[in-house]
Amino acid sequence: MDARQGQRMERELLILMRHMTMAGPRGPGKHAGLDRSAYVLLSRLEAQGPMSIPDLVEAFGLASSTLNRQTTALLKNGLVERTVDPNGSIVHKFRVTQEGIDRLTAERDRTASGLAETLGDWTSERLERFIADLEQFNTDIESMTGRPWPRTGRAPR
């Protein structure tokens, strides 16, 4: 990648992140979706199963104080619950509640609906290439950081 390509990529990723934070209904009188940290944590817990704060620190590379704040907010909102470690450890793990699953599903549905509207005129082949490229981009980053995201139902290549 040359410098110009790097600059173009950086700009487009910045714009994409901005679009993602602005997506979905927000503001007074509208159903507020999950904030980004809740969405990411719930998605990870759903994909991987119950996790402790040390597990989350390892998975995300964030400070335990940050994850304590985030999980406390999820607990307060009834989106996760504490559970004992089935392996007998005294460390509590966080598990997504039915309310958390419902809210996560609703948020995903809103996102998928917006994507379908945005990409409605793309061919199936173009969409598959784009998804495969995004998946490869993410797995390359995960390989570099040593923090893979658990994927289920991955389509064969």
N, C-alpha and C. Protein backbone atom coordinates (compact mmCIF):
# COMPACT_ATOMS: atom_id res chain seq x y z
N MET A 1 0.85 -1.16 0.00
CA MET A 1 0.00 0.00 0.00
C MET A 1 0.91 1.24 0.00
N ASP A 2 0.64 2.15 -0.91
CA ASP A 2 1.43 3.39 -0.92
C ASP A 2 0.77 4.41 0.02
N ALA A 3 1.43 5.54 0.22
CA ALA A 3 0.96 6.56 1.17
C ALA A 3 -0.42 7.08 0.79
N ARG A 4 -0.65 7.30 -0.50
CA ARG A 4 -1.96 7.81 -0.93
C ARG A 4 -3.06 6.79 -0.64
N GLN A 5 -2.80 5.53 -0.92
CA GLN A 5 -3.80 4.49 -0.62
C GLN A 5 -4.06 4.43 0.88
N GLY A 6 -3.00 4.53 1.68
CA GLY A 6 -3.17 4.54 3.13
C GLY A 6 -4.04 5.69 3.60
N GLN A 7 -3.82 6.87 3.02
CA GLN A 7 -4.62 8.04 3.38
C GLN A 7 -6.09 7.87 2.97
N ARG A 8 -6.30 7.33 1.78
CA ARG A 8 -7.68 7.09 1.32
C ARG A 8 -8.38 6.07 2.21
N MET A 9 -7.66 5.00 2.54
CA MET A 9 -8.23 3.96 3.40
C MET A 9 -8.57 4.55 4.77
N GLU A 10 -7.66 5.32 5.35
CA GLU A 10 -7.90 5.92 6.66
C GLU A 10 -9.14 6.80 6.63
N ARG A 11 -9.26 7.62 5.59
CA ARG A 11 -10.42 8.52 5.47
C ARG A 11 -11.72 7.74 5.36
N GLU A 12 -11.73 6.71 4.53
CA GLU A 12 -12.96 5.93 4.35
C GLU A 12 -13.33 5.17 5.62
N LEU A 13 -12.33 4.65 6.35
CA LEU A 13 -12.62 3.97 7.62
C LEU A 13 -13.16 4.96 8.64
N LEU A 14 -12.61 6.16 8.69
CA LEU A 14 -13.10 7.21 9.58
C LEU A 14 -14.57 7.52 9.27
N ILE A 15 -14.87 7.68 8.00
CA ILE A 15 -16.24 7.99 7.59
C ILE A 15 -17.17 6.83 7.92
N LEU A 16 -16.72 5.60 7.68
CA LEU A 16 -17.51 4.42 8.02
C LEU A 16 -17.83 4.38 9.51
N MET A 17 -16.80 4.62 10.35
CA MET A 17 -17.03 4.62 11.80
C MET A 17 -18.03 5.70 12.19
N ARG A 18 -17.95 6.86 11.54
CA ARG A 18 -18.89 7.94 11.83
C ARG A 18 -20.30 7.53 11.45
N HIS A 19 -20.44 6.91 10.29
CA HIS A 19 -21.77 6.43 9.87
C HIS A 19 -22.33 5.41 10.88
N MET A 20 -21.47 4.53 11.36
CA MET A 20 -21.93 3.50 12.30
C MET A 20 -22.39 4.12 13.62
N THR A 21 -21.69 5.15 14.10
CA THR A 21 -22.11 5.77 15.36
C THR A 21 -23.38 6.58 15.18
N MET A 22 -23.65 7.04 13.97
CA MET A 22 -24.86 7.83 13.72
C MET A 22 -26.04 6.96 13.31
N ALA A 23 -25.81 5.69 13.05
CA ALA A 23 -26.87 4.81 12.56
C ALA A 23 -27.90 4.55 13.64
N GLY A 24 -29.11 4.37 13.21
CA GLY A 24 -30.19 4.02 14.13
C GLY A 24 -30.84 5.23 14.75
N PRO A 25 -32.03 5.05 15.24
CA PRO A 25 -32.77 6.17 15.84
C PRO A 25 -32.15 6.58 17.16
N ARG A 26 -31.94 7.87 17.33
CA ARG A 26 -31.38 8.41 18.55
C ARG A 26 -32.14 9.70 18.89
N GLY A 27 -32.07 10.07 20.12
CA GLY A 27 -32.62 11.36 20.52
C GLY A 27 -33.95 11.23 21.22
N PRO A 28 -34.48 12.37 21.68
CA PRO A 28 -35.73 12.37 22.46
C PRO A 28 -36.89 11.77 21.68
N GLY A 29 -37.63 10.94 22.37
CA GLY A 29 -38.84 10.36 21.79
C GLY A 29 -38.59 9.20 20.85
N LYS A 30 -37.34 8.87 20.60
CA LYS A 30 -37.03 7.74 19.72
C LYS A 30 -36.47 6.61 20.56
N HIS A 31 -36.66 5.39 20.08
CA HIS A 31 -36.10 4.25 20.80
C HIS A 31 -34.58 4.32 20.69
N ALA A 32 -33.95 4.46 21.81
CA ALA A 32 -32.49 4.52 21.81
C ALA A 32 -31.94 3.11 21.70
N GLY A 33 -31.09 2.91 20.72
CA GLY A 33 -30.45 1.61 20.57
C GLY A 33 -29.35 1.47 21.59
N LEU A 34 -28.66 0.36 21.52
CA LEU A 34 -27.54 0.11 22.42
C LEU A 34 -26.38 1.03 22.05
N ASP A 35 -25.66 1.50 23.07
CA ASP A 35 -24.45 2.26 22.73
C ASP A 35 -23.40 1.28 22.24
N ARG A 36 -22.35 1.83 21.63
CA ARG A 36 -21.35 0.99 20.97
C ARG A 36 -20.71 -0.03 21.90
N SER A 37 -20.34 0.41 23.12
CA SER A 37 -19.67 -0.52 24.03
C SER A 37 -20.62 -1.65 24.44
N ALA A 38 -21.89 -1.34 24.69
CA ALA A 38 -22.86 -2.38 25.04
C ALA A 38 -23.04 -3.35 23.88
N TYR A 39 -23.15 -2.82 22.68
CA TYR A 39 -23.33 -3.65 21.50
C TYR A 39 -22.16 -4.62 21.32
N VAL A 40 -20.95 -4.10 21.47
CA VAL A 40 -19.76 -4.93 21.28
C VAL A 40 -19.65 -5.98 22.38
N LEU A 41 -19.83 -5.57 23.63
CA LEU A 41 -19.72 -6.53 24.75
C LEU A 41 -20.80 -7.61 24.65
N LEU A 42 -22.04 -7.22 24.41
CA LEU A 42 -23.10 -8.21 24.29
C LEU A 42 -22.84 -9.16 23.12
N SER A 43 -22.36 -8.62 22.01
CA SER A 43 -22.05 -9.47 20.85
C SER A 43 -20.97 -10.49 21.19
N ARG A 44 -19.95 -10.05 21.92
CA ARG A 44 -18.86 -10.96 22.29
C ARG A 44 -19.35 -12.03 23.26
N LEU A 45 -20.11 -11.62 24.26
CA LEU A 45 -20.64 -12.59 25.23
C LEU A 45 -21.58 -13.58 24.56
N GLU A 46 -22.36 -13.11 23.61
CA GLU A 46 -23.26 -14.00 22.88
C GLU A 46 -22.45 -15.01 22.06
N ALA A 47 -21.39 -14.55 21.42
CA ALA A 47 -20.59 -15.41 20.55
C ALA A 47 -19.75 -16.40 21.34
N GLN A 48 -19.23 -15.98 22.49
CA GLN A 48 -18.27 -16.79 23.23
C GLN A 48 -18.85 -17.46 24.46
N GLY A 49 -19.94 -16.93 24.98
CA GLY A 49 -20.50 -17.45 26.21
C GLY A 49 -20.01 -16.64 27.40
N PRO A 50 -20.38 -17.05 28.60
CA PRO A 50 -20.02 -16.27 29.80
C PRO A 50 -18.52 -16.00 29.91
N MET A 51 -18.21 -14.77 30.29
CA MET A 51 -16.81 -14.34 30.42
C MET A 51 -16.66 -13.51 31.69
N SER A 52 -15.49 -13.61 32.30
CA SER A 52 -15.16 -12.82 33.48
C SER A 52 -14.48 -11.52 33.04
N ILE A 53 -14.27 -10.62 33.99
CA ILE A 53 -13.53 -9.40 33.68
C ILE A 53 -12.13 -9.74 33.13
N PRO A 54 -11.37 -10.66 33.78
CA PRO A 54 -10.07 -11.01 33.17
C PRO A 54 -10.19 -11.57 31.75
N ASP A 55 -11.25 -12.35 31.49
CA ASP A 55 -11.48 -12.86 30.13
C ASP A 55 -11.69 -11.70 29.15
N LEU A 56 -12.50 -10.73 29.58
CA LEU A 56 -12.81 -9.57 28.74
C LEU A 56 -11.57 -8.71 28.51
N VAL A 57 -10.75 -8.55 29.55
CA VAL A 57 -9.51 -7.80 29.41
C VAL A 57 -8.64 -8.45 28.35
N GLU A 58 -8.51 -9.76 28.41
CA GLU A 58 -7.71 -10.48 27.42
C GLU A 58 -8.30 -10.36 26.02
N ALA A 59 -9.61 -10.44 25.92
CA ALA A 59 -10.28 -10.40 24.62
C ALA A 59 -10.19 -9.03 23.96
N PHE A 60 -10.32 -7.97 24.75
CA PHE A 60 -10.39 -6.63 24.17
C PHE A 60 -9.13 -5.79 24.36
N GLY A 61 -8.28 -6.17 25.29
CA GLY A 61 -7.08 -5.38 25.54
C GLY A 61 -7.38 -4.05 26.21
N LEU A 62 -8.50 -3.99 26.92
CA LEU A 62 -8.89 -2.77 27.64
C LEU A 62 -8.57 -2.93 29.11
N ALA A 63 -8.52 -1.82 29.82
CA ALA A 63 -8.27 -1.84 31.26
C ALA A 63 -9.45 -2.47 31.98
N SER A 64 -9.17 -3.18 33.06
CA SER A 64 -10.25 -3.80 33.83
C SER A 64 -11.21 -2.75 34.38
N SER A 65 -10.72 -1.55 34.70
CA SER A 65 -11.61 -0.50 35.20
C SER A 65 -12.63 -0.09 34.14
N THR A 66 -12.20 -0.04 32.90
CA THR A 66 -13.11 0.29 31.79
C THR A 66 -14.17 -0.80 31.66
N LEU A 67 -13.74 -2.05 31.68
CA LEU A 67 -14.68 -3.16 31.53
C LEU A 67 -15.59 -3.28 32.75
N ASN A 68 -15.09 -2.96 33.93
CA ASN A 68 -15.95 -2.94 35.12
C ASN A 68 -17.06 -1.91 34.96
N ARG A 69 -16.72 -0.72 34.47
CA ARG A 69 -17.75 0.31 34.24
C ARG A 69 -18.78 -0.17 33.21
N GLN A 70 -18.28 -0.74 32.13
CA GLN A 70 -19.18 -1.17 31.07
C GLN A 70 -20.09 -2.31 31.52
N THR A 71 -19.54 -3.29 32.22
CA THR A 71 -20.37 -4.41 32.67
C THR A 71 -21.33 -3.96 33.77
N THR A 72 -20.93 -3.00 34.60
CA THR A 72 -21.84 -2.47 35.61
C THR A 72 -23.05 -1.82 34.96
N ALA A 73 -22.82 -1.08 33.88
CA ALA A 73 -23.93 -0.47 33.14
C ALA A 73 -24.84 -1.54 32.54
N LEU A 74 -24.24 -2.60 31.99
CA LEU A 74 -25.04 -3.70 31.43
C LEU A 74 -25.86 -4.39 32.51
N LEU A 75 -25.25 -4.61 33.68
CA LEU A 75 -25.97 -5.21 34.81
C LEU A 75 -27.14 -4.33 35.24
N LYS A 76 -26.88 -3.05 35.38
CA LYS A 76 -27.90 -2.09 35.82
C LYS A 76 -29.09 -2.07 34.87
N ASN A 77 -28.81 -2.24 33.58
CA ASN A 77 -29.87 -2.22 32.57
C ASN A 77 -30.49 -3.59 32.32
N GLY A 78 -30.06 -4.59 33.08
CA GLY A 78 -30.63 -5.93 32.94
C GLY A 78 -30.22 -6.66 31.68
N LEU A 79 -29.12 -6.25 31.06
CA LEU A 79 -28.69 -6.86 29.81
C LEU A 79 -27.76 -8.05 30.01
N VAL A 80 -27.10 -8.09 31.16
CA VAL A 80 -26.29 -9.24 31.55
C VAL A 80 -26.59 -9.57 33.00
N GLU A 81 -26.17 -10.76 33.39
CA GLU A 81 -26.28 -11.17 34.79
C GLU A 81 -24.97 -11.84 35.17
N ARG A 82 -24.70 -11.83 36.47
CA ARG A 82 -23.51 -12.52 36.97
C ARG A 82 -23.86 -13.99 37.15
N THR A 83 -22.90 -14.83 36.87
CA THR A 83 -23.08 -16.26 37.06
C THR A 83 -21.78 -16.83 37.62
N VAL A 84 -21.88 -17.92 38.31
CA VAL A 84 -20.67 -18.55 38.85
C VAL A 84 -19.96 -19.31 37.73
N ASP A 85 -18.66 -19.40 37.86
CA ASP A 85 -17.85 -20.10 36.88
C ASP A 85 -18.13 -21.60 37.00
N PRO A 86 -18.57 -22.24 35.91
CA PRO A 86 -18.84 -23.68 35.97
C PRO A 86 -17.59 -24.51 36.26
N ASN A 87 -16.40 -23.92 36.10
CA ASN A 87 -15.16 -24.63 36.37
C ASN A 87 -14.75 -24.53 37.83
N GLY A 88 -15.58 -23.88 38.66
CA GLY A 88 -15.32 -23.83 40.09
C GLY A 88 -14.52 -22.64 40.56
N SER A 89 -14.11 -21.77 39.67
CA SER A 89 -13.36 -20.58 40.07
C SER A 89 -14.28 -19.65 40.87
N ILE A 90 -13.68 -18.84 41.74
CA ILE A 90 -14.48 -17.90 42.52
C ILE A 90 -14.81 -16.64 41.71
N VAL A 91 -14.21 -16.52 40.52
CA VAL A 91 -14.47 -15.37 39.66
C VAL A 91 -15.86 -15.50 39.05
N HIS A 92 -16.63 -14.42 39.12
CA HIS A 92 -17.94 -14.41 38.48
C HIS A 92 -17.79 -14.13 36.99
N LYS A 93 -18.69 -14.68 36.25
CA LYS A 93 -18.72 -14.44 34.81
C LYS A 93 -20.01 -13.70 34.49
N PHE A 94 -19.99 -13.03 33.35
CA PHE A 94 -21.16 -12.31 32.87
C PHE A 94 -21.79 -13.09 31.74
N ARG A 95 -23.10 -13.21 31.81
CA ARG A 95 -23.87 -13.93 30.80
C ARG A 95 -24.98 -13.00 30.30
N VAL A 96 -25.25 -13.03 29.02
CA VAL A 96 -26.29 -12.19 28.43
C VAL A 96 -27.66 -12.70 28.90
N THR A 97 -28.51 -11.77 29.34
CA THR A 97 -29.88 -12.12 29.73
C THR A 97 -30.77 -12.17 28.48
N GLN A 98 -31.99 -12.62 28.67
CA GLN A 98 -32.94 -12.61 27.55
C GLN A 98 -33.19 -11.18 27.08
N GLU A 99 -33.27 -10.23 28.03
CA GLU A 99 -33.42 -8.82 27.66
C GLU A 99 -32.23 -8.36 26.82
N GLY A 100 -31.03 -8.79 27.19
CA GLY A 100 -29.84 -8.44 26.42
C GLY A 100 -29.89 -9.01 25.01
N ILE A 101 -30.31 -10.27 24.90
CA ILE A 101 -30.44 -10.90 23.59
C ILE A 101 -31.48 -10.16 22.76
N ASP A 102 -32.61 -9.84 23.38
CA ASP A 102 -33.68 -9.13 22.66
C ASP A 102 -33.21 -7.77 22.15
N ARG A 103 -32.51 -7.02 22.99
CA ARG A 103 -32.03 -5.70 22.59
C ARG A 103 -30.94 -5.81 21.53
N LEU A 104 -30.07 -6.80 21.67
CA LEU A 104 -29.01 -7.02 20.69
C LEU A 104 -29.62 -7.41 19.34
N THR A 105 -30.61 -8.27 19.36
CA THR A 105 -31.28 -8.69 18.13
C THR A 105 -31.97 -7.51 17.46
N ALA A 106 -32.63 -6.67 18.26
CA ALA A 106 -33.31 -5.49 17.71
C ALA A 106 -32.29 -4.53 17.08
N GLU A 107 -31.16 -4.35 17.74
CA GLU A 107 -30.12 -3.47 17.20
C GLU A 107 -29.55 -4.04 15.91
N ARG A 108 -29.32 -5.34 15.88
CA ARG A 108 -28.82 -5.98 14.66
C ARG A 108 -29.83 -5.85 13.53
N ASP A 109 -31.09 -6.03 13.85
CA ASP A 109 -32.14 -5.91 12.83
C ASP A 109 -32.17 -4.49 12.24
N ARG A 110 -32.04 -3.48 13.11
CA ARG A 110 -32.01 -2.09 12.62
C ARG A 110 -30.79 -1.87 11.71
N THR A 111 -29.66 -2.39 12.14
CA THR A 111 -28.44 -2.24 11.34
C THR A 111 -28.59 -2.96 10.00
N ALA A 112 -29.08 -4.20 10.04
CA ALA A 112 -29.25 -4.97 8.80
C ALA A 112 -30.24 -4.30 7.86
N SER A 113 -31.29 -3.71 8.41
CA SER A 113 -32.27 -3.00 7.60
C SER A 113 -31.64 -1.80 6.91
N GLY A 114 -30.83 -1.06 7.66
CA GLY A 114 -30.14 0.08 7.06
C GLY A 114 -29.15 -0.35 6.00
N LEU A 115 -28.44 -1.44 6.25
CA LEU A 115 -27.51 -1.96 5.25
C LEU A 115 -28.24 -2.43 4.00
N ALA A 116 -29.37 -3.09 4.19
CA ALA A 116 -30.15 -3.57 3.04
C ALA A 116 -30.63 -2.39 2.20
N GLU A 117 -31.03 -1.31 2.86
CA GLU A 117 -31.46 -0.12 2.13
C GLU A 117 -30.29 0.51 1.37
N THR A 118 -29.15 0.60 2.02
CA THR A 118 -27.97 1.22 1.42
C THR A 118 -27.42 0.40 0.27
N LEU A 119 -27.41 -0.92 0.43
CA LEU A 119 -26.77 -1.81 -0.54
C LEU A 119 -27.78 -2.54 -1.42
N GLY A 120 -29.00 -2.06 -1.44
CA GLY A 120 -30.07 -2.74 -2.15
C GLY A 120 -29.84 -2.97 -3.63
N ASP A 121 -29.06 -2.11 -4.26
CA ASP A 121 -28.83 -2.29 -5.70
C ASP A 121 -27.53 -3.02 -6.02
N TRP A 122 -26.84 -3.50 -5.00
CA TRP A 122 -25.62 -4.28 -5.24
C TRP A 122 -26.02 -5.70 -5.63
N THR A 123 -25.25 -6.31 -6.51
CA THR A 123 -25.52 -7.70 -6.87
C THR A 123 -25.09 -8.61 -5.71
N SER A 124 -25.61 -9.80 -5.71
CA SER A 124 -25.24 -10.78 -4.69
C SER A 124 -23.74 -11.06 -4.74
N GLU A 125 -23.20 -11.15 -5.94
CA GLU A 125 -21.77 -11.42 -6.10
C GLU A 125 -20.93 -10.28 -5.53
N ARG A 126 -21.32 -9.05 -5.78
CA ARG A 126 -20.58 -7.89 -5.25
C ARG A 126 -20.65 -7.87 -3.73
N LEU A 127 -21.83 -8.15 -3.17
CA LEU A 127 -21.98 -8.21 -1.71
C LEU A 127 -21.09 -9.29 -1.12
N GLU A 128 -21.07 -10.47 -1.73
CA GLU A 128 -20.24 -11.57 -1.22
C GLU A 128 -18.76 -11.20 -1.24
N ARG A 129 -18.31 -10.53 -2.31
CA ARG A 129 -16.90 -10.09 -2.38
C ARG A 129 -16.61 -9.08 -1.27
N PHE A 130 -17.51 -8.13 -1.07
CA PHE A 130 -17.33 -7.10 -0.06
C PHE A 130 -17.28 -7.72 1.34
N ILE A 131 -18.19 -8.63 1.62
CA ILE A 131 -18.22 -9.32 2.92
C ILE A 131 -16.94 -10.12 3.12
N ALA A 132 -16.52 -10.84 2.10
CA ALA A 132 -15.28 -11.64 2.20
C ALA A 132 -14.07 -10.73 2.44
N ASP A 133 -14.02 -9.58 1.76
CA ASP A 133 -12.92 -8.65 1.98
C ASP A 133 -12.95 -8.08 3.39
N LEU A 134 -14.12 -7.73 3.89
CA LEU A 134 -14.23 -7.23 5.27
C LEU A 134 -13.79 -8.30 6.27
N GLU A 135 -14.24 -9.53 6.03
CA GLU A 135 -13.86 -10.62 6.92
C GLU A 135 -12.35 -10.83 6.90
N GLN A 136 -11.75 -10.79 5.73
CA GLN A 136 -10.30 -10.97 5.63
C GLN A 136 -9.57 -9.82 6.32
N PHE A 137 -10.04 -8.59 6.13
CA PHE A 137 -9.45 -7.42 6.78
C PHE A 137 -9.49 -7.59 8.30
N ASN A 138 -10.64 -7.98 8.82
CA ASN A 138 -10.77 -8.17 10.27
C ASN A 138 -9.91 -9.32 10.78
N THR A 139 -9.88 -10.44 10.08
CA THR A 139 -9.07 -11.57 10.56
C THR A 139 -7.58 -11.26 10.47
N ASP A 140 -7.17 -10.44 9.50
CA ASP A 140 -5.77 -10.01 9.44
C ASP A 140 -5.42 -9.16 10.66
N ILE A 141 -6.31 -8.24 11.02
CA ILE A 141 -6.09 -7.42 12.22
C ILE A 141 -6.04 -8.30 13.46
N GLU A 142 -6.98 -9.25 13.55
CA GLU A 142 -7.02 -10.15 14.70
C GLU A 142 -5.74 -10.98 14.80
N SER A 143 -5.21 -11.41 13.67
CA SER A 143 -3.95 -12.16 13.68
C SER A 143 -2.80 -11.30 14.19
N MET A 144 -2.79 -10.05 13.80
CA MET A 144 -1.72 -9.13 14.23
C MET A 144 -1.82 -8.82 15.72
N THR A 145 -3.05 -8.68 16.23
CA THR A 145 -3.23 -8.31 17.64
C THR A 145 -3.28 -9.52 18.56
N GLY A 146 -3.52 -10.71 18.00
CA GLY A 146 -3.65 -11.91 18.82
C GLY A 146 -4.98 -11.96 19.56
N ARG A 147 -5.96 -11.23 19.07
CA ARG A 147 -7.28 -11.18 19.70
C ARG A 147 -8.37 -11.56 18.68
N PRO A 148 -8.49 -12.85 18.39
CA PRO A 148 -9.51 -13.26 17.41
C PRO A 148 -10.92 -13.10 17.96
N TRP A 149 -11.83 -12.82 17.08
CA TRP A 149 -13.24 -12.75 17.42
C TRP A 149 -13.86 -14.10 17.11
N PRO A 150 -14.58 -14.68 18.06
CA PRO A 150 -15.20 -15.99 17.76
C PRO A 150 -16.28 -15.84 16.70
N ARG A 151 -16.20 -16.65 15.69
CA ARG A 151 -17.18 -16.60 14.60
C ARG A 151 -17.88 -17.95 14.52
N THR A 152 -19.18 -17.89 14.41
CA THR A 152 -19.96 -19.11 14.21
C THR A 152 -20.67 -18.99 12.88
N GLY A 153 -20.97 -20.11 12.30
CA GLY A 153 -21.71 -20.11 11.04
C GLY A 153 -20.95 -19.44 9.91
N ARG A 154 -19.63 -19.47 9.99
CA ARG A 154 -18.82 -18.86 8.95
C ARG A 154 -19.01 -19.61 7.64
N ALA A 155 -19.27 -18.85 6.60
CA ALA A 155 -19.44 -19.45 5.29
C ALA A 155 -18.10 -19.96 4.77
N PRO A 156 -18.08 -21.13 4.17
CA PRO A 156 -16.83 -21.64 3.60
C PRO A 156 -16.37 -20.77 2.45
N ARG A 157 -15.06 -20.71 2.26
CA ARG A 157 -14.50 -19.92 1.15
C ARG A 157 -14.18 -20.81 -0.01
